[in-house]
């Protein structure tokens, strides 16, 4: 089928309108760390992710981009709260010591007080998706 210039322009305009009016995708649900916020999530029994990050860390930024991308594609991932623990503030604290966190850019999937899995400095999309999938098990 041969499209006329007018038909082609009309199709392109329609597609552009769809792109503009499409609802924004979800992003990851980040929660700043405090002992109270962590205790509340642990008591709730639902899975949650602990993200040990630093604002200056390029690996942490890459992990955040992957988490946001996955959350935008999968509502189940978007529903998982992510507790952000600022490495500069808490690297010498009790939480890091108790959980034996080796470095920033560590992601730990939890349910209650049970660790389901962890990734250290891993930015691979499939690895992070696999960690988030542990929340469903």
N, C-alpha and C. Protein backbone atom coordinates (compact mmCIF):
# COMPACT_ATOMS: atom_id res chain seq x y z
N UNK A 1 0.84 -1.17 0.00
CA UNK A 1 0.00 0.00 0.00
C UNK A 1 0.89 1.24 0.00
N UNK A 2 0.61 2.14 -0.88
CA UNK A 2 1.37 3.36 -1.01
C UNK A 2 0.69 4.47 -0.20
N UNK A 3 1.44 5.08 0.69
CA UNK A 3 0.88 6.16 1.51
C UNK A 3 1.17 7.50 0.86
N UNK A 4 0.18 8.34 0.88
CA UNK A 4 0.39 9.69 0.37
C UNK A 4 1.11 10.51 1.42
N UNK A 5 1.64 11.62 1.00
CA UNK A 5 2.34 12.49 1.95
C UNK A 5 1.40 12.95 3.06
N UNK A 6 0.17 13.28 2.71
CA UNK A 6 -0.81 13.74 3.69
C UNK A 6 -1.11 12.64 4.70
N UNK A 7 -1.29 11.40 4.24
CA UNK A 7 -1.58 10.28 5.13
C UNK A 7 -0.39 10.01 6.05
N UNK A 8 0.80 10.07 5.51
CA UNK A 8 2.01 9.85 6.31
C UNK A 8 2.12 10.91 7.40
N UNK A 9 1.90 12.17 7.06
CA UNK A 9 1.97 13.25 8.05
C UNK A 9 0.89 13.08 9.12
N UNK A 10 -0.30 12.66 8.72
CA UNK A 10 -1.37 12.45 9.69
C UNK A 10 -1.01 11.31 10.65
N UNK A 11 -0.43 10.24 10.14
CA UNK A 11 -0.02 9.12 10.99
C UNK A 11 1.07 9.55 11.96
N UNK A 12 2.03 10.31 11.48
CA UNK A 12 3.12 10.77 12.33
C UNK A 12 2.61 11.71 13.42
N UNK A 13 1.67 12.56 13.08
CA UNK A 13 1.08 13.46 14.07
C UNK A 13 0.33 12.68 15.13
N UNK A 14 -0.41 11.68 14.69
CA UNK A 14 -1.16 10.84 15.64
C UNK A 14 -0.24 10.08 16.57
N UNK A 15 0.85 9.54 16.04
CA UNK A 15 1.81 8.82 16.88
C UNK A 15 2.49 9.76 17.86
N UNK A 16 2.80 10.96 17.42
CA UNK A 16 3.42 11.95 18.32
C UNK A 16 2.46 12.31 19.45
N UNK A 17 1.19 12.44 19.14
CA UNK A 17 0.19 12.76 20.17
C UNK A 17 0.08 11.63 21.18
N UNK A 18 0.14 10.39 20.71
CA UNK A 18 0.09 9.26 21.63
C UNK A 18 1.29 9.27 22.57
N UNK A 19 2.44 9.57 22.05
CA UNK A 19 3.65 9.60 22.88
C UNK A 19 3.57 10.67 23.95
N UNK A 20 2.98 11.82 23.62
CA UNK A 20 2.87 12.92 24.57
C UNK A 20 1.82 12.63 25.63
N UNK A 21 0.73 11.98 25.26
CA UNK A 21 -0.37 11.77 26.21
C UNK A 21 -0.26 10.46 26.97
N UNK A 22 0.73 9.63 26.62
CA UNK A 22 0.90 8.37 27.33
C UNK A 22 1.25 8.64 28.79
N UNK A 23 0.61 7.95 29.73
CA UNK A 23 0.92 8.21 31.13
C UNK A 23 2.37 7.85 31.45
N UNK A 24 2.95 8.58 32.37
CA UNK A 24 4.32 8.31 32.78
C UNK A 24 4.40 6.95 33.45
N UNK A 25 5.49 6.25 33.20
CA UNK A 25 5.65 4.94 33.82
C UNK A 25 6.03 5.12 35.29
N UNK A 26 5.79 4.08 36.05
CA UNK A 26 6.09 4.13 37.47
C UNK A 26 7.60 4.13 37.66
N UNK A 27 8.02 4.61 38.80
CA UNK A 27 9.44 4.52 39.13
C UNK A 27 9.55 3.81 40.47
N UNK A 28 10.77 3.45 40.82
CA UNK A 28 11.01 2.74 42.06
C UNK A 28 10.56 3.61 43.25
N UNK A 29 10.15 2.93 44.31
CA UNK A 29 9.64 3.61 45.51
C UNK A 29 10.75 3.67 46.56
N UNK A 30 11.52 4.76 46.56
CA UNK A 30 12.64 4.92 47.49
C UNK A 30 12.17 5.54 48.80
N UNK A 31 12.72 5.02 49.90
CA UNK A 31 12.44 5.50 51.25
C UNK A 31 13.79 5.77 51.91
N UNK A 32 13.96 6.94 52.50
CA UNK A 32 15.21 7.23 53.19
C UNK A 32 15.32 6.36 54.45
N UNK A 33 16.51 5.86 54.69
CA UNK A 33 16.75 5.00 55.85
C UNK A 33 16.64 5.76 57.16
N UNK A 34 15.97 5.13 58.09
CA UNK A 34 16.01 5.48 59.51
C UNK A 34 15.75 4.16 60.23
N UNK A 35 16.13 4.09 61.48
CA UNK A 35 15.86 2.85 62.23
C UNK A 35 14.36 2.59 62.26
N UNK A 36 13.56 3.64 62.38
CA UNK A 36 12.10 3.49 62.44
C UNK A 36 11.53 3.00 61.11
N UNK A 37 11.99 3.56 59.98
CA UNK A 37 11.45 3.14 58.68
C UNK A 37 11.82 1.69 58.39
N UNK A 38 13.03 1.30 58.75
CA UNK A 38 13.45 -0.09 58.54
C UNK A 38 12.68 -1.04 59.45
N UNK A 39 12.48 -0.66 60.70
CA UNK A 39 11.73 -1.50 61.63
C UNK A 39 10.29 -1.67 61.17
N UNK A 40 9.70 -0.62 60.65
CA UNK A 40 8.32 -0.69 60.16
C UNK A 40 8.21 -1.66 58.98
N UNK A 41 9.13 -1.58 58.05
CA UNK A 41 9.11 -2.49 56.91
C UNK A 41 9.36 -3.93 57.35
N UNK A 42 10.30 -4.13 58.26
CA UNK A 42 10.60 -5.47 58.75
C UNK A 42 9.39 -6.08 59.45
N UNK A 43 8.67 -5.28 60.22
CA UNK A 43 7.49 -5.77 60.94
C UNK A 43 6.33 -6.05 60.01
N UNK A 44 6.29 -5.39 58.86
CA UNK A 44 5.18 -5.56 57.94
C UNK A 44 5.14 -6.90 57.23
N UNK A 45 6.26 -7.58 57.17
CA UNK A 45 6.30 -8.90 56.56
C UNK A 45 6.38 -8.92 55.04
N UNK A 46 6.29 -7.75 54.40
CA UNK A 46 6.40 -7.68 52.95
C UNK A 46 7.88 -7.56 52.56
N UNK A 47 8.22 -7.98 51.36
CA UNK A 47 9.61 -7.84 50.93
C UNK A 47 9.98 -6.37 50.72
N UNK A 48 11.25 -6.07 50.92
CA UNK A 48 11.77 -4.74 50.68
C UNK A 48 13.25 -4.87 50.33
N UNK A 49 13.76 -3.88 49.64
CA UNK A 49 15.14 -3.88 49.22
C UNK A 49 15.89 -2.82 50.01
N UNK A 50 17.09 -3.15 50.47
CA UNK A 50 17.94 -2.16 51.11
C UNK A 50 19.06 -1.83 50.12
N UNK A 51 19.20 -0.54 49.83
CA UNK A 51 20.16 -0.04 48.86
C UNK A 51 21.20 0.80 49.60
N UNK A 52 22.43 0.27 49.71
CA UNK A 52 23.52 1.00 50.34
C UNK A 52 24.20 1.80 49.23
N UNK A 53 24.00 3.11 49.23
CA UNK A 53 24.41 3.94 48.10
C UNK A 53 25.18 5.17 48.58
N UNK A 54 25.86 5.80 47.63
CA UNK A 54 26.48 7.11 47.86
C UNK A 54 26.11 7.99 46.68
N UNK A 55 25.85 9.24 46.93
CA UNK A 55 25.44 10.15 45.87
C UNK A 55 26.50 10.31 44.79
N UNK A 56 27.75 10.13 45.13
CA UNK A 56 28.87 10.32 44.21
C UNK A 56 29.28 9.02 43.50
N UNK A 57 28.62 7.92 43.81
CA UNK A 57 29.01 6.59 43.32
C UNK A 57 28.37 6.31 41.95
N UNK A 58 29.19 6.13 40.92
CA UNK A 58 28.65 5.88 39.58
C UNK A 58 27.98 4.51 39.48
N UNK A 59 28.47 3.53 40.21
CA UNK A 59 27.83 2.20 40.22
C UNK A 59 26.45 2.30 40.86
N UNK A 60 26.35 3.07 41.94
CA UNK A 60 25.05 3.27 42.60
C UNK A 60 24.06 3.95 41.66
N UNK A 61 24.54 4.94 40.92
CA UNK A 61 23.67 5.65 39.96
C UNK A 61 23.20 4.70 38.87
N UNK A 62 24.08 3.82 38.40
CA UNK A 62 23.69 2.84 37.38
C UNK A 62 22.65 1.87 37.95
N UNK A 63 22.82 1.44 39.19
CA UNK A 63 21.83 0.56 39.82
C UNK A 63 20.48 1.26 39.94
N UNK A 64 20.50 2.54 40.30
CA UNK A 64 19.25 3.29 40.43
C UNK A 64 18.53 3.39 39.08
N UNK A 65 19.29 3.63 38.01
CA UNK A 65 18.67 3.68 36.68
C UNK A 65 18.01 2.35 36.32
N UNK A 66 18.69 1.25 36.64
CA UNK A 66 18.13 -0.07 36.35
C UNK A 66 16.88 -0.31 37.20
N UNK A 67 16.95 0.02 38.48
CA UNK A 67 15.78 -0.16 39.36
C UNK A 67 14.59 0.65 38.86
N UNK A 68 14.81 1.89 38.48
CA UNK A 68 13.72 2.72 37.96
C UNK A 68 13.17 2.16 36.65
N UNK A 69 14.05 1.69 35.78
CA UNK A 69 13.61 1.10 34.52
C UNK A 69 12.77 -0.14 34.74
N UNK A 70 13.22 -1.01 35.62
CA UNK A 70 12.47 -2.24 35.92
C UNK A 70 11.12 -1.92 36.56
N UNK A 71 11.12 -0.94 37.47
CA UNK A 71 9.86 -0.55 38.12
C UNK A 71 8.88 0.02 37.12
N UNK A 72 9.39 0.72 36.12
CA UNK A 72 8.52 1.29 35.09
C UNK A 72 7.89 0.23 34.20
N UNK A 73 8.54 -0.91 34.09
CA UNK A 73 8.06 -1.98 33.24
C UNK A 73 7.21 -3.01 33.97
N UNK A 74 7.40 -3.13 35.28
CA UNK A 74 6.73 -4.19 36.03
C UNK A 74 6.14 -3.63 37.32
N UNK A 75 4.82 -3.59 37.43
CA UNK A 75 4.19 -3.04 38.65
C UNK A 75 4.59 -3.79 39.92
N UNK A 76 4.90 -5.07 39.81
CA UNK A 76 5.32 -5.83 40.99
C UNK A 76 6.65 -5.28 41.52
N UNK A 77 7.55 -4.91 40.61
CA UNK A 77 8.82 -4.33 41.04
C UNK A 77 8.60 -2.94 41.62
N UNK A 78 7.70 -2.17 41.02
CA UNK A 78 7.43 -0.81 41.51
C UNK A 78 6.85 -0.82 42.91
N UNK A 79 6.21 -1.91 43.30
CA UNK A 79 5.58 -1.99 44.62
C UNK A 79 6.57 -2.32 45.74
N UNK A 80 7.78 -2.71 45.38
CA UNK A 80 8.77 -3.08 46.40
C UNK A 80 9.43 -1.82 46.95
N UNK A 81 9.27 -1.56 48.24
CA UNK A 81 9.94 -0.39 48.82
C UNK A 81 11.46 -0.59 48.81
N UNK A 82 12.18 0.49 48.54
CA UNK A 82 13.64 0.45 48.53
C UNK A 82 14.14 1.42 49.57
N UNK A 83 14.77 0.89 50.60
CA UNK A 83 15.31 1.70 51.68
C UNK A 83 16.71 2.13 51.27
N UNK A 84 16.90 3.44 51.13
CA UNK A 84 18.20 3.97 50.71
C UNK A 84 19.02 4.35 51.94
N UNK A 85 20.14 3.64 52.09
CA UNK A 85 21.05 3.89 53.21
C UNK A 85 22.26 4.65 52.67
N UNK A 86 22.39 5.90 53.06
CA UNK A 86 23.48 6.75 52.59
C UNK A 86 24.80 6.26 53.19
N UNK A 87 25.68 5.79 52.30
CA UNK A 87 26.95 5.22 52.73
C UNK A 87 27.81 6.24 53.48
N UNK A 88 27.80 7.48 53.05
CA UNK A 88 28.62 8.50 53.71
C UNK A 88 28.18 8.73 55.15
N UNK A 89 26.91 8.55 55.39
CA UNK A 89 26.37 8.79 56.73
C UNK A 89 26.38 7.53 57.61
N UNK A 90 26.18 6.35 57.01
CA UNK A 90 25.95 5.14 57.81
C UNK A 90 26.98 4.02 57.62
N UNK A 91 28.06 4.27 56.90
CA UNK A 91 29.00 3.18 56.60
C UNK A 91 29.66 2.58 57.85
N UNK A 92 29.73 3.34 58.91
CA UNK A 92 30.34 2.84 60.15
C UNK A 92 29.28 2.51 61.21
N UNK A 93 28.01 2.46 60.78
CA UNK A 93 26.92 2.24 61.73
C UNK A 93 26.61 0.78 62.00
N UNK A 94 25.69 0.58 62.93
CA UNK A 94 25.31 -0.76 63.35
C UNK A 94 24.71 -1.60 62.22
N UNK A 95 23.87 -0.99 61.39
CA UNK A 95 23.23 -1.74 60.31
C UNK A 95 24.27 -2.35 59.38
N UNK A 96 25.24 -1.56 58.96
CA UNK A 96 26.29 -2.04 58.06
C UNK A 96 27.10 -3.15 58.73
N UNK A 97 27.41 -2.98 59.97
CA UNK A 97 28.17 -3.99 60.72
C UNK A 97 27.37 -5.28 60.88
N UNK A 98 26.12 -5.15 61.32
CA UNK A 98 25.28 -6.32 61.56
C UNK A 98 25.02 -7.12 60.29
N UNK A 99 24.88 -6.43 59.16
CA UNK A 99 24.58 -7.10 57.90
C UNK A 99 25.85 -7.46 57.12
N UNK A 100 27.02 -7.09 57.64
CA UNK A 100 28.30 -7.36 56.98
C UNK A 100 28.31 -6.83 55.55
N UNK A 101 27.93 -5.57 55.41
CA UNK A 101 27.90 -4.92 54.10
C UNK A 101 29.33 -4.51 53.75
N UNK A 102 29.86 -5.02 52.64
CA UNK A 102 31.27 -4.78 52.33
C UNK A 102 31.56 -3.40 51.75
N UNK A 103 30.56 -2.79 51.08
CA UNK A 103 30.81 -1.54 50.38
C UNK A 103 29.50 -0.92 49.94
N UNK A 104 29.60 0.33 49.47
CA UNK A 104 28.44 0.96 48.84
C UNK A 104 28.10 0.16 47.59
N UNK A 105 26.99 0.46 46.98
CA UNK A 105 26.47 -0.26 45.80
C UNK A 105 26.14 -1.71 46.12
N UNK A 106 25.72 -1.94 47.36
CA UNK A 106 25.24 -3.26 47.76
C UNK A 106 23.72 -3.20 47.87
N UNK A 107 23.06 -4.14 47.23
CA UNK A 107 21.60 -4.26 47.26
C UNK A 107 21.25 -5.54 48.00
N UNK A 108 20.34 -5.44 48.98
CA UNK A 108 19.96 -6.61 49.78
C UNK A 108 18.44 -6.73 49.80
N UNK A 109 17.93 -7.87 49.31
CA UNK A 109 16.48 -8.13 49.35
C UNK A 109 16.16 -8.79 50.68
N UNK A 110 15.15 -8.24 51.35
CA UNK A 110 14.76 -8.71 52.68
C UNK A 110 13.27 -9.03 52.73
N UNK A 111 12.91 -9.91 53.64
CA UNK A 111 11.52 -10.11 54.05
C UNK A 111 11.58 -10.24 55.57
N UNK A 112 10.95 -9.29 56.26
CA UNK A 112 11.09 -9.25 57.70
C UNK A 112 12.54 -8.98 58.05
N UNK A 113 13.14 -9.87 58.84
CA UNK A 113 14.56 -9.73 59.18
C UNK A 113 15.40 -10.79 58.46
N UNK A 114 14.80 -11.46 57.48
CA UNK A 114 15.50 -12.52 56.74
C UNK A 114 16.02 -11.99 55.41
N UNK A 115 17.30 -12.19 55.19
CA UNK A 115 17.89 -11.81 53.91
C UNK A 115 17.56 -12.87 52.87
N UNK A 116 17.01 -12.42 51.75
CA UNK A 116 16.66 -13.34 50.66
C UNK A 116 17.77 -13.42 49.62
N UNK A 117 18.56 -12.36 49.49
CA UNK A 117 19.65 -12.35 48.53
C UNK A 117 20.31 -10.98 48.49
N UNK A 118 21.49 -10.92 47.87
CA UNK A 118 22.20 -9.65 47.77
C UNK A 118 23.06 -9.61 46.52
N UNK A 119 23.31 -8.40 46.08
CA UNK A 119 24.22 -8.12 44.98
C UNK A 119 25.20 -7.05 45.45
N UNK A 120 26.46 -7.21 45.09
CA UNK A 120 27.47 -6.23 45.44
C UNK A 120 28.07 -5.67 44.15
N UNK A 121 27.88 -4.38 43.94
CA UNK A 121 28.45 -3.66 42.79
C UNK A 121 28.02 -4.25 41.46
N UNK A 122 26.85 -4.82 41.40
CA UNK A 122 26.34 -5.44 40.17
C UNK A 122 25.32 -4.50 39.54
N UNK A 123 25.51 -4.17 38.28
CA UNK A 123 24.59 -3.28 37.58
C UNK A 123 23.86 -3.99 36.44
N UNK A 124 24.07 -5.29 36.31
CA UNK A 124 23.41 -6.03 35.22
C UNK A 124 21.90 -6.07 35.45
N UNK A 125 21.18 -5.71 34.44
CA UNK A 125 19.72 -5.67 34.49
C UNK A 125 19.14 -7.03 34.90
N UNK A 126 19.63 -8.11 34.31
CA UNK A 126 19.09 -9.43 34.63
C UNK A 126 19.39 -9.84 36.06
N UNK A 127 20.55 -9.46 36.59
CA UNK A 127 20.90 -9.78 37.97
C UNK A 127 19.99 -9.02 38.94
N UNK A 128 19.77 -7.73 38.67
CA UNK A 128 18.91 -6.93 39.56
C UNK A 128 17.47 -7.41 39.46
N UNK A 129 17.01 -7.74 38.27
CA UNK A 129 15.65 -8.30 38.12
C UNK A 129 15.54 -9.61 38.89
N UNK A 130 16.58 -10.43 38.84
CA UNK A 130 16.58 -11.69 39.59
C UNK A 130 16.48 -11.46 41.09
N UNK A 131 17.16 -10.44 41.57
CA UNK A 131 17.08 -10.11 42.99
C UNK A 131 15.67 -9.66 43.36
N UNK A 132 15.07 -8.81 42.51
CA UNK A 132 13.70 -8.35 42.75
C UNK A 132 12.72 -9.51 42.67
N UNK A 133 12.98 -10.48 41.82
CA UNK A 133 12.11 -11.65 41.70
C UNK A 133 12.06 -12.47 42.99
N UNK A 134 13.08 -12.36 43.82
CA UNK A 134 13.08 -13.08 45.10
C UNK A 134 11.95 -12.59 46.00
N UNK A 135 11.45 -11.40 45.75
CA UNK A 135 10.35 -10.85 46.56
C UNK A 135 9.06 -11.66 46.33
N UNK A 136 8.94 -12.31 45.19
CA UNK A 136 7.72 -13.06 44.87
C UNK A 136 7.76 -14.48 45.46
N UNK A 137 8.94 -14.93 45.85
CA UNK A 137 9.05 -16.32 46.35
C UNK A 137 8.74 -16.45 47.82
